[in-house]
N, C-alpha and C. Protein backbone atom coordinates (compact mmCIF):
# COMPACT_ATOMS: atom_id res chain seq x y z
N UNK A 1 32.39 16.29 20.01
CA UNK A 1 32.26 15.70 18.68
C UNK A 1 33.19 16.37 17.67
N UNK A 2 34.05 17.26 18.21
CA UNK A 2 35.04 17.86 17.34
C UNK A 2 34.47 19.03 16.56
N UNK A 3 35.30 19.55 15.62
CA UNK A 3 34.91 20.66 14.77
C UNK A 3 34.06 20.13 13.63
N UNK A 4 32.74 20.31 13.75
CA UNK A 4 31.83 19.76 12.76
C UNK A 4 32.05 20.41 11.40
N UNK A 5 32.28 21.74 11.38
CA UNK A 5 32.48 22.44 10.11
C UNK A 5 33.70 21.90 9.38
N UNK A 6 34.80 21.69 10.12
CA UNK A 6 36.01 21.15 9.51
C UNK A 6 35.76 19.74 8.98
N UNK A 7 34.98 18.97 9.71
CA UNK A 7 34.66 17.62 9.28
C UNK A 7 33.87 17.65 7.98
N UNK A 8 32.93 18.58 7.85
CA UNK A 8 32.14 18.67 6.63
C UNK A 8 32.99 19.08 5.44
N UNK A 9 33.92 20.01 5.66
CA UNK A 9 34.83 20.41 4.58
C UNK A 9 35.67 19.23 4.12
N UNK A 10 36.13 18.46 5.09
CA UNK A 10 36.92 17.28 4.74
C UNK A 10 36.11 16.30 3.92
N UNK A 11 34.85 16.11 4.30
CA UNK A 11 33.98 15.18 3.57
C UNK A 11 33.74 15.67 2.15
N UNK A 12 33.53 16.98 1.98
CA UNK A 12 33.30 17.52 0.64
C UNK A 12 34.54 17.39 -0.23
N UNK A 13 35.71 17.60 0.36
CA UNK A 13 36.95 17.50 -0.40
C UNK A 13 37.24 16.06 -0.83
N UNK A 14 36.87 15.13 0.03
CA UNK A 14 37.11 13.72 -0.29
C UNK A 14 35.94 12.88 0.23
N UNK A 15 34.80 12.91 -0.49
CA UNK A 15 33.60 12.19 -0.03
C UNK A 15 33.87 10.69 0.09
N UNK A 16 33.45 10.09 1.19
CA UNK A 16 33.62 8.64 1.33
C UNK A 16 32.79 7.90 0.28
N UNK A 17 33.23 6.72 -0.13
CA UNK A 17 32.53 5.98 -1.19
C UNK A 17 31.05 5.76 -0.90
N UNK A 18 30.71 5.49 0.37
CA UNK A 18 29.30 5.23 0.67
C UNK A 18 28.45 6.48 0.49
N UNK A 19 29.00 7.66 0.76
CA UNK A 19 28.26 8.90 0.57
C UNK A 19 28.07 9.17 -0.92
N UNK A 20 29.11 8.93 -1.68
CA UNK A 20 29.03 9.09 -3.14
C UNK A 20 27.96 8.16 -3.72
N UNK A 21 27.94 6.92 -3.24
CA UNK A 21 26.97 5.95 -3.74
C UNK A 21 25.55 6.37 -3.39
N UNK A 22 25.35 6.86 -2.17
CA UNK A 22 24.02 7.31 -1.75
C UNK A 22 23.58 8.51 -2.59
N UNK A 23 24.48 9.42 -2.83
CA UNK A 23 24.15 10.59 -3.64
C UNK A 23 23.78 10.17 -5.06
N UNK A 24 24.55 9.27 -5.64
CA UNK A 24 24.28 8.79 -6.99
C UNK A 24 22.91 8.14 -7.08
N UNK A 25 22.51 7.46 -6.00
CA UNK A 25 21.21 6.77 -5.99
C UNK A 25 20.05 7.70 -5.69
N UNK A 26 20.35 8.96 -5.31
CA UNK A 26 19.28 9.89 -4.95
C UNK A 26 19.44 11.24 -5.65
N UNK A 27 19.46 11.26 -6.98
CA UNK A 27 19.62 12.54 -7.69
C UNK A 27 18.46 13.48 -7.38
N UNK A 28 18.80 14.73 -7.10
CA UNK A 28 17.78 15.71 -6.79
C UNK A 28 17.23 15.60 -5.39
N UNK A 29 17.78 14.71 -4.59
CA UNK A 29 17.27 14.51 -3.23
C UNK A 29 18.28 14.93 -2.18
N UNK A 30 18.42 14.12 -1.16
CA UNK A 30 19.35 14.42 -0.07
C UNK A 30 19.82 13.13 0.57
N UNK A 31 20.94 13.21 1.27
CA UNK A 31 21.52 12.07 1.97
C UNK A 31 21.74 12.45 3.42
N UNK A 32 21.25 11.61 4.33
CA UNK A 32 21.37 11.91 5.76
C UNK A 32 22.78 11.66 6.25
N UNK A 33 23.24 12.55 7.13
CA UNK A 33 24.51 12.37 7.83
C UNK A 33 24.19 11.91 9.25
N UNK A 34 24.56 10.68 9.57
CA UNK A 34 24.20 10.07 10.86
C UNK A 34 25.41 10.01 11.77
N UNK A 35 25.21 10.39 13.01
CA UNK A 35 26.28 10.33 14.00
C UNK A 35 26.37 8.89 14.53
N UNK A 36 27.34 8.17 14.04
CA UNK A 36 27.47 6.76 14.41
C UNK A 36 27.82 6.56 15.88
N UNK A 37 28.32 7.60 16.54
CA UNK A 37 28.66 7.47 17.96
C UNK A 37 27.42 7.36 18.83
N UNK A 38 26.27 7.74 18.30
CA UNK A 38 25.04 7.76 19.10
C UNK A 38 24.17 6.52 18.90
N UNK A 39 24.55 5.67 17.95
CA UNK A 39 23.75 4.47 17.70
C UNK A 39 24.67 3.26 17.56
N UNK A 40 24.06 2.09 17.50
CA UNK A 40 24.82 0.87 17.32
C UNK A 40 25.00 0.59 15.84
N UNK A 41 24.05 -0.12 15.25
CA UNK A 41 24.10 -0.48 13.84
C UNK A 41 23.35 0.57 13.03
N UNK A 42 24.05 1.35 12.18
CA UNK A 42 23.38 2.39 11.40
C UNK A 42 22.43 1.83 10.34
N UNK A 43 22.47 0.52 10.10
CA UNK A 43 21.58 -0.10 9.13
C UNK A 43 20.26 -0.55 9.76
N UNK A 44 20.14 -0.32 11.07
CA UNK A 44 18.90 -0.68 11.75
C UNK A 44 18.04 0.55 11.97
N UNK A 45 17.36 0.61 13.11
CA UNK A 45 16.53 1.76 13.44
C UNK A 45 17.42 2.96 13.75
N UNK A 46 17.09 4.09 13.13
CA UNK A 46 17.88 5.31 13.32
C UNK A 46 16.99 6.38 13.95
N UNK A 47 17.21 6.73 15.21
CA UNK A 47 16.43 7.80 15.84
C UNK A 47 16.68 9.13 15.12
N UNK A 48 15.65 9.93 15.02
CA UNK A 48 15.78 11.20 14.31
C UNK A 48 16.84 12.10 14.88
N UNK A 49 17.06 12.04 16.22
CA UNK A 49 18.04 12.92 16.84
C UNK A 49 19.47 12.61 16.42
N UNK A 50 19.72 11.39 15.94
CA UNK A 50 21.09 11.03 15.57
C UNK A 50 21.48 11.51 14.17
N UNK A 51 20.52 12.09 13.46
CA UNK A 51 20.80 12.64 12.13
C UNK A 51 21.34 14.06 12.30
N UNK A 52 22.59 14.27 11.94
CA UNK A 52 23.21 15.59 12.07
C UNK A 52 22.59 16.59 11.09
N UNK A 53 22.21 16.09 9.94
CA UNK A 53 21.63 16.94 8.91
C UNK A 53 21.59 16.19 7.59
N UNK A 54 21.41 16.95 6.51
CA UNK A 54 21.25 16.32 5.20
C UNK A 54 22.11 17.04 4.15
N UNK A 55 22.83 16.22 3.37
CA UNK A 55 23.57 16.73 2.24
C UNK A 55 22.62 16.82 1.05
N UNK A 56 22.56 17.99 0.43
CA UNK A 56 21.76 18.15 -0.77
C UNK A 56 22.47 17.50 -1.96
N UNK A 57 21.66 16.87 -2.81
CA UNK A 57 22.20 16.18 -3.99
C UNK A 57 21.63 16.83 -5.24
N UNK A 58 22.49 17.15 -6.19
CA UNK A 58 22.04 17.75 -7.44
C UNK A 58 21.36 16.74 -8.34
N UNK A 59 20.76 17.24 -9.40
CA UNK A 59 20.09 16.36 -10.36
C UNK A 59 21.06 15.42 -11.04
N UNK A 60 22.35 15.77 -11.00
CA UNK A 60 23.37 14.91 -11.60
C UNK A 60 23.84 13.81 -10.65
N UNK A 61 23.24 13.76 -9.45
CA UNK A 61 23.61 12.72 -8.49
C UNK A 61 24.89 13.02 -7.74
N UNK A 62 25.32 14.29 -7.75
CA UNK A 62 26.53 14.68 -7.04
C UNK A 62 26.18 15.66 -5.92
N UNK A 63 27.00 15.64 -4.88
CA UNK A 63 26.78 16.54 -3.75
C UNK A 63 26.91 17.99 -4.20
N UNK A 64 25.97 18.83 -3.76
CA UNK A 64 26.01 20.25 -4.12
C UNK A 64 26.91 21.04 -3.18
N UNK A 65 27.23 20.47 -2.02
CA UNK A 65 28.01 21.20 -1.02
C UNK A 65 27.13 21.82 0.04
N UNK A 66 25.81 21.84 -0.19
CA UNK A 66 24.89 22.41 0.79
C UNK A 66 24.56 21.37 1.85
N UNK A 67 24.61 21.80 3.10
CA UNK A 67 24.29 20.92 4.22
C UNK A 67 23.22 21.59 5.07
N UNK A 68 22.11 20.89 5.28
CA UNK A 68 21.01 21.40 6.09
C UNK A 68 21.06 20.74 7.45
N UNK A 69 21.29 21.53 8.48
CA UNK A 69 21.43 20.98 9.83
C UNK A 69 20.08 20.55 10.41
N UNK A 70 20.13 19.51 11.22
CA UNK A 70 18.94 19.04 11.92
C UNK A 70 18.88 19.75 13.28
N UNK A 71 17.86 20.58 13.51
CA UNK A 71 17.81 21.32 14.78
C UNK A 71 17.60 20.43 16.00
N UNK A 72 17.16 19.20 15.77
CA UNK A 72 16.92 18.27 16.88
C UNK A 72 18.08 17.31 17.11
N UNK A 73 19.20 17.57 16.44
CA UNK A 73 20.35 16.68 16.57
C UNK A 73 20.88 16.65 18.00
N UNK A 74 21.17 15.46 18.49
CA UNK A 74 21.70 15.30 19.83
C UNK A 74 21.42 13.90 20.34
N UNK A 75 21.75 13.61 21.58
CA UNK A 75 21.49 12.29 22.15
C UNK A 75 20.00 11.96 22.09
N UNK A 76 19.63 10.77 21.63
CA UNK A 76 18.21 10.39 21.57
C UNK A 76 17.56 10.41 22.95
N UNK A 77 16.27 10.71 22.96
CA UNK A 77 15.51 10.77 24.20
C UNK A 77 14.29 9.85 24.11
N UNK A 78 13.73 9.54 25.27
CA UNK A 78 12.50 8.75 25.31
C UNK A 78 11.40 9.47 24.53
N UNK A 79 10.52 8.68 23.93
CA UNK A 79 9.33 9.24 23.30
C UNK A 79 8.18 8.25 23.50
N UNK A 80 7.32 8.57 24.45
CA UNK A 80 6.15 7.75 24.75
C UNK A 80 4.86 8.44 24.35
N UNK A 81 4.95 9.42 23.45
CA UNK A 81 3.78 10.23 23.12
C UNK A 81 2.64 9.40 22.54
N UNK A 82 2.96 8.35 21.78
CA UNK A 82 1.89 7.53 21.20
C UNK A 82 1.14 6.75 22.28
N UNK A 83 1.76 6.59 23.43
CA UNK A 83 1.09 5.98 24.58
C UNK A 83 0.36 7.04 25.40
N UNK A 84 1.06 8.07 25.77
CA UNK A 84 0.49 9.06 26.69
C UNK A 84 -0.56 9.95 26.03
N UNK A 85 -0.49 10.11 24.70
CA UNK A 85 -1.49 10.94 24.01
C UNK A 85 -2.78 10.18 23.74
N UNK A 86 -2.77 8.89 24.02
CA UNK A 86 -3.95 8.07 23.79
C UNK A 86 -5.07 8.47 24.76
N UNK A 87 -6.30 8.38 24.31
CA UNK A 87 -7.45 8.65 25.17
C UNK A 87 -7.95 7.37 25.83
N UNK A 88 -7.24 6.27 25.61
CA UNK A 88 -7.64 5.01 26.21
C UNK A 88 -7.41 5.05 27.72
N UNK A 89 -8.22 4.31 28.46
CA UNK A 89 -8.11 4.25 29.92
C UNK A 89 -6.81 3.54 30.31
N UNK A 90 -5.96 4.26 31.04
CA UNK A 90 -4.66 3.72 31.43
C UNK A 90 -4.42 3.79 32.93
N UNK A 91 -5.47 4.04 33.69
CA UNK A 91 -5.30 4.18 35.14
C UNK A 91 -4.67 2.95 35.78
N UNK A 92 -4.88 1.79 35.18
CA UNK A 92 -4.35 0.56 35.76
C UNK A 92 -2.82 0.53 35.71
N UNK A 93 -2.22 1.42 34.90
CA UNK A 93 -0.76 1.53 34.83
C UNK A 93 -0.21 2.56 35.81
N UNK A 94 -1.10 3.17 36.60
CA UNK A 94 -0.66 4.15 37.59
C UNK A 94 -0.77 5.57 37.08
N UNK A 95 -0.25 6.49 37.87
CA UNK A 95 -0.34 7.91 37.53
C UNK A 95 0.56 8.29 36.36
N UNK A 96 1.61 7.52 36.14
CA UNK A 96 2.56 7.82 35.06
C UNK A 96 2.78 6.56 34.21
N UNK A 97 1.88 6.31 33.27
CA UNK A 97 1.98 5.10 32.44
C UNK A 97 3.33 4.95 31.74
N UNK A 98 3.88 6.05 31.22
CA UNK A 98 5.15 5.96 30.51
C UNK A 98 6.27 5.50 31.43
N UNK A 99 6.29 6.02 32.65
CA UNK A 99 7.31 5.63 33.62
C UNK A 99 7.15 4.16 33.98
N UNK A 100 5.90 3.72 34.15
CA UNK A 100 5.65 2.32 34.51
C UNK A 100 6.15 1.38 33.42
N UNK A 101 5.86 1.72 32.16
CA UNK A 101 6.29 0.88 31.05
C UNK A 101 7.81 0.90 30.93
N UNK A 102 8.41 2.08 31.02
CA UNK A 102 9.86 2.18 30.89
C UNK A 102 10.57 1.39 31.99
N UNK A 103 10.09 1.53 33.22
CA UNK A 103 10.72 0.80 34.34
C UNK A 103 10.60 -0.70 34.15
N UNK A 104 9.47 -1.15 33.61
CA UNK A 104 9.27 -2.58 33.39
C UNK A 104 10.23 -3.10 32.33
N UNK A 105 10.38 -2.36 31.24
CA UNK A 105 11.31 -2.76 30.18
C UNK A 105 12.74 -2.79 30.71
N UNK A 106 13.11 -1.76 31.47
CA UNK A 106 14.46 -1.71 32.03
C UNK A 106 14.72 -2.90 32.94
N UNK A 107 13.72 -3.29 33.72
CA UNK A 107 13.89 -4.43 34.62
C UNK A 107 14.08 -5.73 33.85
N UNK A 108 13.30 -5.90 32.78
CA UNK A 108 13.45 -7.11 31.96
C UNK A 108 14.85 -7.19 31.38
N UNK A 109 15.35 -6.08 30.85
CA UNK A 109 16.69 -6.07 30.25
C UNK A 109 17.75 -6.40 31.29
N UNK A 110 17.59 -5.85 32.49
CA UNK A 110 18.57 -6.10 33.55
C UNK A 110 18.52 -7.55 34.01
N UNK A 111 17.33 -8.14 34.00
CA UNK A 111 17.20 -9.55 34.38
C UNK A 111 17.87 -10.45 33.35
N UNK A 112 17.79 -10.05 32.07
CA UNK A 112 18.41 -10.84 31.01
C UNK A 112 19.93 -10.69 31.01
N UNK A 113 20.39 -9.44 31.19
CA UNK A 113 21.83 -9.16 31.21
C UNK A 113 22.09 -8.24 32.40
N UNK A 114 22.56 -8.78 33.52
CA UNK A 114 22.79 -7.96 34.71
C UNK A 114 23.68 -6.75 34.39
N UNK A 115 23.24 -5.60 34.87
CA UNK A 115 23.99 -4.38 34.62
C UNK A 115 23.57 -3.64 33.37
N UNK A 116 22.59 -4.19 32.63
CA UNK A 116 22.12 -3.52 31.42
C UNK A 116 21.47 -2.19 31.78
N UNK A 117 21.75 -1.18 30.96
CA UNK A 117 21.21 0.17 31.18
C UNK A 117 20.37 0.57 29.96
N UNK A 118 19.12 0.89 30.21
CA UNK A 118 18.23 1.35 29.15
C UNK A 118 18.49 2.84 28.92
N UNK A 119 19.00 3.18 27.74
CA UNK A 119 19.33 4.58 27.46
C UNK A 119 18.11 5.38 27.02
N UNK A 120 17.35 4.83 26.11
CA UNK A 120 16.12 5.50 25.67
C UNK A 120 15.17 4.48 25.06
N UNK A 121 13.91 4.84 25.06
CA UNK A 121 12.87 4.00 24.47
C UNK A 121 11.92 4.88 23.67
N UNK A 122 11.49 4.39 22.52
CA UNK A 122 10.52 5.11 21.70
C UNK A 122 9.37 4.16 21.33
N UNK A 123 8.15 4.60 21.59
CA UNK A 123 6.96 3.85 21.17
C UNK A 123 6.70 4.23 19.72
N UNK A 124 6.68 3.25 18.83
CA UNK A 124 6.68 3.52 17.40
C UNK A 124 5.30 3.68 16.79
N UNK A 125 4.29 3.03 17.36
CA UNK A 125 2.94 3.08 16.80
C UNK A 125 1.92 3.19 17.92
N UNK A 126 0.70 3.51 17.56
CA UNK A 126 -0.37 3.56 18.55
C UNK A 126 -0.52 2.17 19.17
N UNK A 127 -0.49 2.08 20.50
CA UNK A 127 -0.60 0.77 21.16
C UNK A 127 -1.94 0.09 20.88
N UNK A 128 -1.97 -1.19 21.12
CA UNK A 128 -3.21 -1.98 21.02
C UNK A 128 -3.64 -2.35 22.44
N UNK A 129 -4.95 -2.36 22.66
CA UNK A 129 -5.47 -2.60 24.00
C UNK A 129 -6.53 -3.70 23.98
N UNK A 130 -6.60 -4.42 25.08
CA UNK A 130 -7.69 -5.36 25.33
C UNK A 130 -8.09 -5.21 26.80
N UNK A 131 -9.39 -5.11 27.04
CA UNK A 131 -9.90 -4.95 28.40
C UNK A 131 -11.06 -5.91 28.60
N UNK A 132 -11.14 -6.53 29.77
CA UNK A 132 -12.23 -7.45 30.09
C UNK A 132 -12.91 -7.00 31.37
N UNK A 133 -14.20 -7.30 31.49
CA UNK A 133 -14.92 -6.92 32.69
C UNK A 133 -16.23 -7.66 32.82
N UNK A 134 -16.98 -7.31 33.85
CA UNK A 134 -18.29 -7.91 34.09
C UNK A 134 -19.26 -6.80 34.49
N UNK A 135 -20.54 -6.98 34.16
CA UNK A 135 -21.53 -5.95 34.49
C UNK A 135 -21.68 -5.80 36.00
N UNK A 136 -21.96 -4.59 36.43
CA UNK A 136 -22.25 -4.39 37.84
C UNK A 136 -23.60 -5.02 38.16
N UNK A 137 -23.71 -5.67 39.33
CA UNK A 137 -24.95 -6.38 39.67
C UNK A 137 -26.19 -5.50 39.64
N UNK A 138 -26.06 -4.27 40.07
CA UNK A 138 -27.22 -3.39 40.16
C UNK A 138 -27.34 -2.43 38.98
N UNK A 139 -26.41 -2.51 38.04
CA UNK A 139 -26.46 -1.61 36.89
C UNK A 139 -25.68 -2.22 35.75
N UNK A 140 -26.36 -2.98 34.90
CA UNK A 140 -25.67 -3.71 33.83
C UNK A 140 -25.14 -2.79 32.74
N UNK A 141 -25.50 -1.51 32.78
CA UNK A 141 -24.98 -0.57 31.79
C UNK A 141 -23.55 -0.17 32.11
N UNK A 142 -23.11 -0.43 33.35
CA UNK A 142 -21.74 -0.14 33.75
C UNK A 142 -20.96 -1.43 33.93
N UNK A 143 -19.69 -1.38 33.64
CA UNK A 143 -18.86 -2.58 33.68
C UNK A 143 -17.76 -2.41 34.72
N UNK A 144 -17.53 -3.47 35.48
CA UNK A 144 -16.41 -3.52 36.42
C UNK A 144 -15.23 -4.16 35.68
N UNK A 145 -14.17 -3.42 35.51
CA UNK A 145 -13.00 -3.93 34.79
C UNK A 145 -12.28 -4.96 35.66
N UNK A 146 -12.07 -6.14 35.09
CA UNK A 146 -11.38 -7.20 35.82
C UNK A 146 -9.98 -7.45 35.25
N UNK A 147 -9.79 -7.21 33.97
CA UNK A 147 -8.49 -7.43 33.32
C UNK A 147 -8.22 -6.30 32.33
N UNK A 148 -6.97 -5.94 32.21
CA UNK A 148 -6.57 -4.93 31.23
C UNK A 148 -5.21 -5.33 30.65
N UNK A 149 -4.99 -4.94 29.41
CA UNK A 149 -3.72 -5.31 28.77
C UNK A 149 -3.37 -4.30 27.69
N UNK A 150 -2.10 -4.30 27.36
CA UNK A 150 -1.60 -3.40 26.33
C UNK A 150 -0.46 -4.08 25.59
N UNK A 151 -0.35 -3.79 24.29
CA UNK A 151 0.79 -4.22 23.49
C UNK A 151 1.26 -3.01 22.70
N UNK A 152 2.55 -2.79 22.70
CA UNK A 152 3.10 -1.65 21.96
C UNK A 152 4.40 -2.03 21.27
N UNK A 153 4.65 -1.39 20.15
CA UNK A 153 5.90 -1.62 19.43
C UNK A 153 6.93 -0.60 19.90
N UNK A 154 8.18 -1.00 19.95
CA UNK A 154 9.21 -0.13 20.50
C UNK A 154 10.52 -0.23 19.72
N UNK A 155 11.33 0.79 19.91
CA UNK A 155 12.76 0.75 19.59
C UNK A 155 13.45 1.27 20.83
N UNK A 156 14.59 0.69 21.16
CA UNK A 156 15.29 1.11 22.37
C UNK A 156 16.79 0.94 22.20
N UNK A 157 17.52 1.63 23.06
CA UNK A 157 18.97 1.51 23.10
C UNK A 157 19.37 1.00 24.46
N UNK A 158 20.25 -0.01 24.47
CA UNK A 158 20.69 -0.59 25.73
C UNK A 158 22.19 -0.81 25.70
N UNK A 159 22.83 -0.53 26.82
CA UNK A 159 24.25 -0.83 26.99
C UNK A 159 24.39 -1.79 28.16
N UNK A 160 25.46 -2.55 28.16
CA UNK A 160 25.71 -3.48 29.25
C UNK A 160 27.21 -3.69 29.37
N UNK A 161 27.67 -4.09 30.55
CA UNK A 161 29.11 -4.26 30.78
C UNK A 161 29.74 -5.21 29.76
N UNK A 162 30.79 -4.74 29.11
CA UNK A 162 31.51 -5.59 28.17
C UNK A 162 30.86 -5.74 26.82
N UNK A 163 29.79 -5.00 26.57
CA UNK A 163 29.09 -5.12 25.29
C UNK A 163 28.94 -3.74 24.65
N UNK A 164 28.81 -3.73 23.33
CA UNK A 164 28.56 -2.49 22.61
C UNK A 164 27.09 -2.10 22.77
N UNK A 165 26.82 -0.84 22.50
CA UNK A 165 25.44 -0.37 22.49
C UNK A 165 24.64 -1.15 21.45
N UNK A 166 23.43 -1.53 21.81
CA UNK A 166 22.54 -2.23 20.89
C UNK A 166 21.24 -1.48 20.73
N UNK A 167 20.76 -1.40 19.50
CA UNK A 167 19.44 -0.85 19.22
C UNK A 167 18.52 -2.04 18.96
N UNK A 168 17.50 -2.19 19.80
CA UNK A 168 16.59 -3.32 19.70
C UNK A 168 15.19 -2.85 19.31
N UNK A 169 14.48 -3.69 18.58
CA UNK A 169 13.09 -3.40 18.23
C UNK A 169 12.24 -4.63 18.53
N UNK A 170 10.98 -4.40 18.77
CA UNK A 170 10.08 -5.51 19.05
C UNK A 170 8.77 -5.03 19.62
N UNK A 171 8.16 -5.89 20.42
CA UNK A 171 6.87 -5.58 21.03
C UNK A 171 6.92 -5.85 22.53
N UNK A 172 6.33 -4.95 23.29
CA UNK A 172 6.22 -5.08 24.74
C UNK A 172 4.75 -5.25 25.08
N UNK A 173 4.45 -6.23 25.93
CA UNK A 173 3.06 -6.48 26.33
C UNK A 173 2.96 -6.56 27.84
N UNK A 174 1.83 -6.09 28.35
CA UNK A 174 1.60 -6.09 29.80
C UNK A 174 0.14 -6.49 30.03
N UNK A 175 -0.05 -7.46 30.90
CA UNK A 175 -1.39 -7.90 31.28
C UNK A 175 -1.53 -7.78 32.80
N UNK A 176 -2.65 -7.22 33.22
CA UNK A 176 -2.97 -7.14 34.65
C UNK A 176 -4.33 -7.79 34.87
N UNK A 177 -4.40 -8.71 35.84
CA UNK A 177 -5.65 -9.40 36.17
C UNK A 177 -6.00 -9.16 37.63
N UNK A 178 -7.28 -9.34 37.96
CA UNK A 178 -7.71 -9.13 39.33
C UNK A 178 -7.85 -7.67 39.70
N UNK A 179 -8.13 -6.82 38.72
CA UNK A 179 -8.25 -5.40 39.00
C UNK A 179 -9.47 -5.08 39.87
N UNK A 180 -10.39 -6.02 39.94
CA UNK A 180 -11.58 -5.83 40.78
C UNK A 180 -11.40 -6.42 42.17
N UNK A 181 -10.20 -6.93 42.44
CA UNK A 181 -9.93 -7.57 43.73
C UNK A 181 -8.69 -6.94 44.37
N UNK A 182 -8.87 -5.86 45.08
CA UNK A 182 -7.72 -5.22 45.72
C UNK A 182 -6.90 -6.22 46.55
N UNK A 183 -5.60 -6.20 46.33
CA UNK A 183 -4.73 -7.12 47.06
C UNK A 183 -4.47 -8.42 46.34
N UNK A 184 -5.25 -8.72 45.31
CA UNK A 184 -5.08 -9.97 44.57
C UNK A 184 -4.70 -9.73 43.11
N UNK A 185 -4.25 -8.55 42.80
CA UNK A 185 -3.87 -8.23 41.43
C UNK A 185 -2.65 -9.05 41.01
N UNK A 186 -2.68 -9.51 39.77
CA UNK A 186 -1.56 -10.24 39.18
C UNK A 186 -1.14 -9.55 37.89
N UNK A 187 0.17 -9.39 37.71
CA UNK A 187 0.69 -8.76 36.50
C UNK A 187 1.74 -9.66 35.84
N UNK A 188 1.80 -9.55 34.52
CA UNK A 188 2.84 -10.25 33.79
C UNK A 188 3.21 -9.43 32.56
N UNK A 189 4.49 -9.40 32.21
CA UNK A 189 4.96 -8.63 31.06
C UNK A 189 5.77 -9.52 30.13
N UNK A 190 5.81 -9.12 28.87
CA UNK A 190 6.58 -9.84 27.84
C UNK A 190 7.35 -8.83 27.01
N UNK A 191 8.57 -9.18 26.65
CA UNK A 191 9.38 -8.39 25.74
C UNK A 191 9.77 -9.30 24.58
N UNK A 192 9.10 -9.14 23.45
CA UNK A 192 9.30 -10.01 22.29
C UNK A 192 10.12 -9.27 21.24
N UNK A 193 11.42 -9.59 21.17
CA UNK A 193 12.29 -8.92 20.21
C UNK A 193 11.96 -9.33 18.78
N UNK A 194 12.02 -8.34 17.90
CA UNK A 194 11.78 -8.51 16.46
C UNK A 194 10.32 -8.89 16.15
N UNK A 195 9.45 -8.84 17.13
CA UNK A 195 8.03 -9.14 16.90
C UNK A 195 7.32 -7.87 16.45
N UNK A 196 6.34 -8.02 15.53
CA UNK A 196 5.60 -6.84 15.11
C UNK A 196 4.33 -6.68 15.94
N UNK A 197 3.70 -5.54 15.79
CA UNK A 197 2.56 -5.19 16.65
C UNK A 197 1.34 -6.05 16.36
N UNK A 198 1.12 -6.41 15.11
CA UNK A 198 -0.03 -7.27 14.78
C UNK A 198 0.10 -8.62 15.47
N UNK A 199 1.30 -9.17 15.44
CA UNK A 199 1.54 -10.45 16.11
C UNK A 199 1.30 -10.32 17.61
N UNK A 200 1.81 -9.24 18.20
CA UNK A 200 1.66 -9.03 19.64
C UNK A 200 0.19 -8.87 20.02
N UNK A 201 -0.58 -8.20 19.17
CA UNK A 201 -2.01 -8.05 19.47
C UNK A 201 -2.73 -9.39 19.45
N UNK A 202 -2.37 -10.24 18.48
CA UNK A 202 -2.97 -11.58 18.42
C UNK A 202 -2.62 -12.38 19.66
N UNK A 203 -1.35 -12.32 20.08
CA UNK A 203 -0.93 -13.02 21.29
C UNK A 203 -1.64 -12.49 22.53
N UNK A 204 -1.92 -11.20 22.52
CA UNK A 204 -2.56 -10.57 23.68
C UNK A 204 -3.94 -11.18 23.95
N UNK A 205 -4.59 -11.61 22.91
CA UNK A 205 -5.93 -12.21 23.07
C UNK A 205 -5.87 -13.50 23.88
N UNK A 206 -4.74 -14.17 23.83
CA UNK A 206 -4.54 -15.37 24.65
C UNK A 206 -3.93 -15.01 26.01
N UNK A 207 -2.98 -14.11 25.99
CA UNK A 207 -2.25 -13.78 27.21
C UNK A 207 -3.12 -13.11 28.26
N UNK A 208 -4.12 -12.37 27.83
CA UNK A 208 -4.93 -11.64 28.80
C UNK A 208 -5.66 -12.60 29.74
N UNK A 209 -5.88 -13.84 29.29
CA UNK A 209 -6.58 -14.82 30.14
C UNK A 209 -5.62 -15.81 30.80
N UNK A 210 -4.32 -15.71 30.51
CA UNK A 210 -3.34 -16.58 31.15
C UNK A 210 -2.98 -16.10 32.54
N UNK A 211 -3.01 -14.80 32.74
CA UNK A 211 -2.55 -14.21 33.99
C UNK A 211 -3.63 -14.37 35.06
N UNK A 212 -3.20 -14.87 36.22
CA UNK A 212 -4.11 -15.02 37.34
C UNK A 212 -4.92 -16.30 37.34
N UNK A 213 -4.67 -17.16 36.34
CA UNK A 213 -5.38 -18.44 36.28
C UNK A 213 -4.55 -19.51 36.94
N UNK A 214 -5.18 -20.47 37.65
CA UNK A 214 -4.42 -21.57 38.25
C UNK A 214 -3.85 -22.47 37.15
N UNK A 215 -2.69 -23.09 37.38
CA UNK A 215 -2.09 -23.95 36.35
C UNK A 215 -2.97 -25.17 36.09
N UNK A 216 -2.90 -25.67 34.86
CA UNK A 216 -3.68 -26.86 34.53
C UNK A 216 -3.16 -28.07 35.28
N UNK A 217 -4.02 -29.06 35.56
CA UNK A 217 -3.59 -30.26 36.28
C UNK A 217 -2.39 -30.92 35.60
N UNK A 218 -1.41 -31.29 36.42
CA UNK A 218 -0.24 -32.00 35.90
C UNK A 218 0.83 -31.08 35.36
N UNK A 219 0.60 -29.76 35.43
CA UNK A 219 1.59 -28.82 34.92
C UNK A 219 2.09 -27.96 36.07
N UNK A 220 3.39 -27.86 36.21
CA UNK A 220 3.96 -27.01 37.25
C UNK A 220 4.53 -25.77 36.62
N UNK A 221 4.45 -24.65 37.33
CA UNK A 221 4.98 -23.41 36.81
C UNK A 221 5.87 -22.76 37.84
């Protein structure tokens, strides 16, 4: 990435117009320095790791010359903590829920654009869950889980042959049916770009019952 110190001196000697404008708009605050090589559109989602640091701004709206480095600066990494830190039952996703979700997203992207590579994924909010079941015949206080589902909001980076890196946001949903019938489990996933989590949760209430159901008469799938 070159001599960062020399680059900062150059910026201070001749601040780019956009930095000057940001400083003017944030008197007494700070302006983030973003490594554009690590992201696609800097006006979209910006992972914290891509921020090199912050320029301090004086009360007069001008750069003070002080630069505070970001200790976490570097290539963005996966962050599934909002999923894995949940106390919700996730056994239906296997021993490694984060790996299962990441692999599913990567597969969807590759199916849409062959050769697409998922660089990183971040779960942005606490996921939403829906679970269905039936009482055990001999103990109605216990429930046999028959269906499980999850919806989560994400930001991700993807590259593909002949295309620039893209930062995408949206909602990922996964429904599994037939959990009480070994060998007859059915799964389906959705990747809804630009969709928010509330919308995905509402859709999940319908989708959880779509999986594993026979098609309606006269409809082919």
